[in-house]
Amino acid sequence: MDNWGVYAVVLMVVLLAFYMFKKVAGCLLKTIVTLLGLAALGVGYWFWTSVS
């Protein structure tokens, strides 16, 4: 996957996380969703850099 593909995927994930963040009620749920999203991004980046 080239850089444009990575940028597109990251943009979609950020937009989806923002949409979910606005829809989820409660501070605890927002925190959990945010942490899971950040963990997914971190794992995806780690796999992407370790494979390349």
PDB file of N, CA and C in Angstrom:
ATOM      1  N   MET A   1       0.853  -1.177   0.000  1.00  0.00           N
ATOM      2  CA  MET A   1       0.000   0.000   0.000  1.00  0.00           C
ATOM      3  C   MET A   1       0.898   1.240   0.000  1.00  0.00           C
ATOM      4  N   ASP A   2       0.635   2.145  -0.902  1.00  0.00           N
ATOM      5  CA  ASP A   2       1.455   3.341  -0.962  1.00  0.00           C
ATOM      6  C   ASP A   2       0.959   4.366   0.057  1.00  0.00           C
ATOM      7  N   ASN A   3       1.629   5.512   0.099  1.00  0.00           N
ATOM      8  CA  ASN A   3       1.297   6.532   1.098  1.00  0.00           C
ATOM      9  C   ASN A   3      -0.119   7.051   0.965  1.00  0.00           C
ATOM     10  N   TRP A   4      -0.625   7.221  -0.264  1.00  0.00           N
ATOM     11  CA  TRP A   4      -1.986   7.751  -0.429  1.00  0.00           C
ATOM     12  C   TRP A   4      -3.019   6.789   0.138  1.00  0.00           C
ATOM     13  N   GLY A   5      -2.789   5.500   0.000  1.00  0.00           N
ATOM     14  CA  GLY A   5      -3.697   4.513   0.564  1.00  0.00           C
ATOM     15  C   GLY A   5      -3.714   4.576   2.081  1.00  0.00           C
ATOM     16  N   VAL A   6      -2.543   4.751   2.667  1.00  0.00           N
ATOM     17  CA  VAL A   6      -2.448   4.862   4.129  1.00  0.00           C
ATOM     18  C   VAL A   6      -3.177   6.120   4.600  1.00  0.00           C
ATOM     19  N   TYR A   7      -2.959   7.236   3.914  1.00  0.00           N
ATOM     20  CA  TYR A   7      -3.629   8.480   4.290  1.00  0.00           C
ATOM     21  C   TYR A   7      -5.147   8.341   4.190  1.00  0.00           C
ATOM     22  N   ALA A   8      -5.623   7.664   3.158  1.00  0.00           N
ATOM     23  CA  ALA A   8      -7.063   7.479   2.975  1.00  0.00           C
ATOM     24  C   ALA A   8      -7.644   6.626   4.101  1.00  0.00           C
ATOM     25  N   VAL A   9      -6.950   5.560   4.465  1.00  0.00           N
ATOM     26  CA  VAL A   9      -7.429   4.691   5.543  1.00  0.00           C
ATOM     27  C   VAL A   9      -7.433   5.431   6.869  1.00  0.00           C
ATOM     28  N   VAL A  10      -6.366   6.174   7.152  1.00  0.00           N
ATOM     29  CA  VAL A  10      -6.301   6.932   8.406  1.00  0.00           C
ATOM     30  C   VAL A  10      -7.402   7.982   8.447  1.00  0.00           C
ATOM     31  N   LEU A  11      -7.658   8.648   7.328  1.00  0.00           N
ATOM     32  CA  LEU A  11      -8.725   9.648   7.287  1.00  0.00           C
ATOM     33  C   LEU A  11     -10.084   9.015   7.547  1.00  0.00           C
ATOM     34  N   MET A  12     -10.344   7.850   6.947  1.00  0.00           N
ATOM     35  CA  MET A  12     -11.626   7.168   7.176  1.00  0.00           C
ATOM     36  C   MET A  12     -11.763   6.749   8.637  1.00  0.00           C
ATOM     37  N   VAL A  13     -10.682   6.251   9.236  1.00  0.00           N
ATOM     38  CA  VAL A  13     -10.734   5.829  10.636  1.00  0.00           C
ATOM     39  C   VAL A  13     -10.985   7.029  11.543  1.00  0.00           C
ATOM     40  N   VAL A  14     -10.325   8.144  11.270  1.00  0.00           N
ATOM     41  CA  VAL A  14     -10.519   9.346  12.085  1.00  0.00           C
ATOM     42  C   VAL A  14     -11.951   9.854  11.963  1.00  0.00           C
ATOM     43  N   LEU A  15     -12.484   9.876  10.738  1.00  0.00           N
ATOM     44  CA  LEU A  15     -13.867  10.326  10.550  1.00  0.00           C
ATOM     45  C   LEU A  15     -14.855   9.389  11.242  1.00  0.00           C
ATOM     46  N   LEU A  16     -14.630   8.098  11.137  1.00  0.00           N
ATOM     47  CA  LEU A  16     -15.502   7.134  11.803  1.00  0.00           C
ATOM     48  C   LEU A  16     -15.408   7.281  13.320  1.00  0.00           C
ATOM     49  N   ALA A  17     -14.207   7.454  13.835  1.00  0.00           N
ATOM     50  CA  ALA A  17     -14.032   7.639  15.283  1.00  0.00           C
ATOM     51  C   ALA A  17     -14.719   8.922  15.745  1.00  0.00           C
ATOM     52  N   PHE A  18     -14.612   9.996  14.961  1.00  0.00           N
ATOM     53  CA  PHE A  18     -15.279  11.252  15.313  1.00  0.00           C
ATOM     54  C   PHE A  18     -16.791  11.075  15.322  1.00  0.00           C
ATOM     55  N   TYR A  19     -17.334  10.365  14.327  1.00  0.00           N
ATOM     56  CA  TYR A  19     -18.771  10.118  14.260  1.00  0.00           C
ATOM     57  C   TYR A  19     -19.226   9.292  15.464  1.00  0.00           C
ATOM     58  N   MET A  20     -18.479   8.233  15.776  1.00  0.00           N
ATOM     59  CA  MET A  20     -18.826   7.391  16.918  1.00  0.00           C
ATOM     60  C   MET A  20     -18.706   8.172  18.224  1.00  0.00           C
ATOM     61  N   PHE A  21     -17.700   9.024  18.329  1.00  0.00           N
ATOM     62  CA  PHE A  21     -17.477   9.823  19.527  1.00  0.00           C
ATOM     63  C   PHE A  21     -18.655  10.746  19.781  1.00  0.00           C
ATOM     64  N   LYS A  22     -19.222  11.325  18.730  1.00  0.00           N
ATOM     65  CA  LYS A  22     -20.353  12.226  18.886  1.00  0.00           C
ATOM     66  C   LYS A  22     -21.637  11.473  19.212  1.00  0.00           C
ATOM     67  N   LYS A  23     -21.764  10.220  18.755  1.00  0.00           N
ATOM     68  CA  LYS A  23     -22.982   9.455  18.961  1.00  0.00           C
ATOM     69  C   LYS A  23     -23.023   8.721  20.306  1.00  0.00           C
ATOM     70  N   VAL A  24     -21.859   8.398  20.844  1.00  0.00           N
ATOM     71  CA  VAL A  24     -21.818   7.616  22.079  1.00  0.00           C
ATOM     72  C   VAL A  24     -22.093   8.524  23.272  1.00  0.00           C
ATOM     73  N   ALA A  25     -22.985   8.071  24.140  1.00  0.00           N
ATOM     74  CA  ALA A  25     -23.339   8.872  25.316  1.00  0.00           C
ATOM     75  C   ALA A  25     -22.513   8.429  26.517  1.00  0.00           C
ATOM     76  N   GLY A  26     -22.167   9.371  27.360  1.00  0.00           N
ATOM     77  CA  GLY A  26     -21.462   9.067  28.604  1.00  0.00           C
ATOM     78  C   GLY A  26     -19.959   9.213  28.469  1.00  0.00           C
ATOM     79  N   CYS A  27     -19.365   9.790  29.481  1.00  0.00           N
ATOM     80  CA  CYS A  27     -17.927  10.060  29.446  1.00  0.00           C
ATOM     81  C   CYS A  27     -17.121   8.772  29.460  1.00  0.00           C
ATOM     82  N   LEU A  28     -17.536   7.778  30.226  1.00  0.00           N
ATOM     83  CA  LEU A  28     -16.791   6.524  30.296  1.00  0.00           C
ATOM     84  C   LEU A  28     -16.799   5.805  28.964  1.00  0.00           C
ATOM     85  N   LEU A  29     -17.948   5.763  28.307  1.00  0.00           N
ATOM     86  CA  LEU A  29     -18.024   5.107  27.002  1.00  0.00           C
ATOM     87  C   LEU A  29     -17.188   5.843  25.966  1.00  0.00           C
ATOM     88  N   LYS A  30     -17.193   7.165  26.014  1.00  0.00           N
ATOM     89  CA  LYS A  30     -16.365   7.938  25.083  1.00  0.00           C
ATOM     90  C   LYS A  30     -14.886   7.624  25.293  1.00  0.00           C
ATOM     91  N   THR A  31     -14.487   7.494  26.534  1.00  0.00           N
ATOM     92  CA  THR A  31     -13.088   7.191  26.835  1.00  0.00           C
ATOM     93  C   THR A  31     -12.725   5.806  26.313  1.00  0.00           C
ATOM     94  N   ILE A  32     -13.599   4.824  26.534  1.00  0.00           N
ATOM     95  CA  ILE A  32     -13.326   3.461  26.070  1.00  0.00           C
ATOM     96  C   ILE A  32     -13.233   3.415  24.551  1.00  0.00           C
ATOM     97  N   VAL A  33     -14.171   4.067  23.871  1.00  0.00           N
ATOM     98  CA  VAL A  33     -14.159   4.078  22.404  1.00  0.00           C
ATOM     99  C   VAL A  33     -12.902   4.755  21.884  1.00  0.00           C
ATOM    100  N   THR A  34     -12.505   5.853  22.498  1.00  0.00           N
ATOM    101  CA  THR A  34     -11.310   6.570  22.070  1.00  0.00           C
ATOM    102  C   THR A  34     -10.057   5.710  22.269  1.00  0.00           C
ATOM    103  N   LEU A  35      -9.961   5.063  23.413  1.00  0.00           N
ATOM    104  CA  LEU A  35      -8.794   4.216  23.669  1.00  0.00           C
ATOM    105  C   LEU A  35      -8.743   3.030  22.718  1.00  0.00           C
ATOM    106  N   LEU A  36      -9.891   2.414  22.436  1.00  0.00           N
ATOM    107  CA  LEU A  36      -9.911   1.302  21.480  1.00  0.00           C
ATOM    108  C   LEU A  36      -9.519   1.767  20.074  1.00  0.00           C
ATOM    109  N   GLY A  37      -9.993   2.942  19.672  1.00  0.00           N
ATOM    110  CA  GLY A  37      -9.628   3.479  18.368  1.00  0.00           C
ATOM    111  C   GLY A  37      -8.138   3.763  18.267  1.00  0.00           C
ATOM    112  N   LEU A  38      -7.582   4.368  19.315  1.00  0.00           N
ATOM    113  CA  LEU A  38      -6.147   4.645  19.317  1.00  0.00           C
ATOM    114  C   LEU A  38      -5.332   3.354  19.327  1.00  0.00           C
ATOM    115  N   ALA A  39      -5.798   2.352  20.067  1.00  0.00           N
ATOM    116  CA  ALA A  39      -5.094   1.068  20.091  1.00  0.00           C
ATOM    117  C   ALA A  39      -5.143   0.416  18.711  1.00  0.00           C
ATOM    118  N   ALA A  40      -6.296   0.479  18.032  1.00  0.00           N
ATOM    119  CA  ALA A  40      -6.407  -0.097  16.691  1.00  0.00           C
ATOM    120  C   ALA A  40      -5.479   0.622  15.718  1.00  0.00           C
ATOM    121  N   LEU A  41      -5.411   1.940  15.798  1.00  0.00           N
ATOM    122  CA  LEU A  41      -4.489   2.683  14.936  1.00  0.00           C
ATOM    123  C   LEU A  41      -3.038   2.306  15.224  1.00  0.00           C
ATOM    124  N   GLY A  42      -2.701   2.176  16.501  1.00  0.00           N
ATOM    125  CA  GLY A  42      -1.338   1.811  16.872  1.00  0.00           C
ATOM    126  C   GLY A  42      -0.955   0.430  16.369  1.00  0.00           C
ATOM    127  N   VAL A  43      -1.857  -0.546  16.527  1.00  0.00           N
ATOM    128  CA  VAL A  43      -1.589  -1.906  16.058  1.00  0.00           C
ATOM    129  C   VAL A  43      -1.484  -1.935  14.540  1.00  0.00           C
ATOM    130  N   GLY A  44      -2.376  -1.214  13.859  1.00  0.00           N
ATOM    131  CA  GLY A  44      -2.316  -1.154  12.401  1.00  0.00           C
ATOM    132  C   GLY A  44      -1.021  -0.537  11.912  1.00  0.00           C
ATOM    133  N   TYR A  45      -0.583   0.531  12.558  1.00  0.00           N
ATOM    134  CA  TYR A  45       0.674   1.170  12.170  1.00  0.00           C
ATOM    135  C   TYR A  45       1.854   0.237  12.438  1.00  0.00           C
ATOM    136  N   TRP A  46       1.821  -0.476  13.566  1.00  0.00           N
ATOM    137  CA  TRP A  46       2.905  -1.394  13.885  1.00  0.00           C
ATOM    138  C   TRP A  46       2.989  -2.511  12.859  1.00  0.00           C
ATOM    139  N   PHE A  47       1.846  -3.109  12.472  1.00  0.00           N
ATOM    140  CA  PHE A  47       1.844  -4.143  11.449  1.00  0.00           C
ATOM    141  C   PHE A  47       2.316  -3.587  10.109  1.00  0.00           C
ATOM    142  N   TRP A  48       1.876  -2.371   9.770  1.00  0.00           N
ATOM    143  CA  TRP A  48       2.233  -1.779   8.486  1.00  0.00           C
ATOM    144  C   TRP A  48       3.734  -1.536   8.401  1.00  0.00           C
ATOM    145  N   THR A  49       4.339  -1.063   9.511  1.00  0.00           N
ATOM    146  CA  THR A  49       5.777  -0.783   9.470  1.00  0.00           C
ATOM    147  C   THR A  49       6.599  -2.053   9.602  1.00  0.00           C
ATOM    148  N   SER A  50       6.082  -3.071  10.299  1.00  0.00           N
ATOM    149  CA  SER A  50       6.876  -4.298  10.446  1.00  0.00           C
ATOM    150  C   SER A  50       6.857  -5.127   9.178  1.00  0.00           C
ATOM    151  N   VAL A  51       5.805  -5.043   8.383  1.00  0.00           N
ATOM    152  CA  VAL A  51       5.713  -5.805   7.128  1.00  0.00           C
ATOM    153  C   VAL A  51       6.531  -5.133   6.038  1.00  0.00           C
ATOM    154  N   SER A  52       6.548  -3.808   6.025  1.00  0.00           N
ATOM    155  CA  SER A  52       7.210  -3.069   4.933  1.00  0.00           C
ATOM    156  C   SER A  52       8.672  -3.291   4.914  1.00  0.00           C
TER     157      SER A  52
END
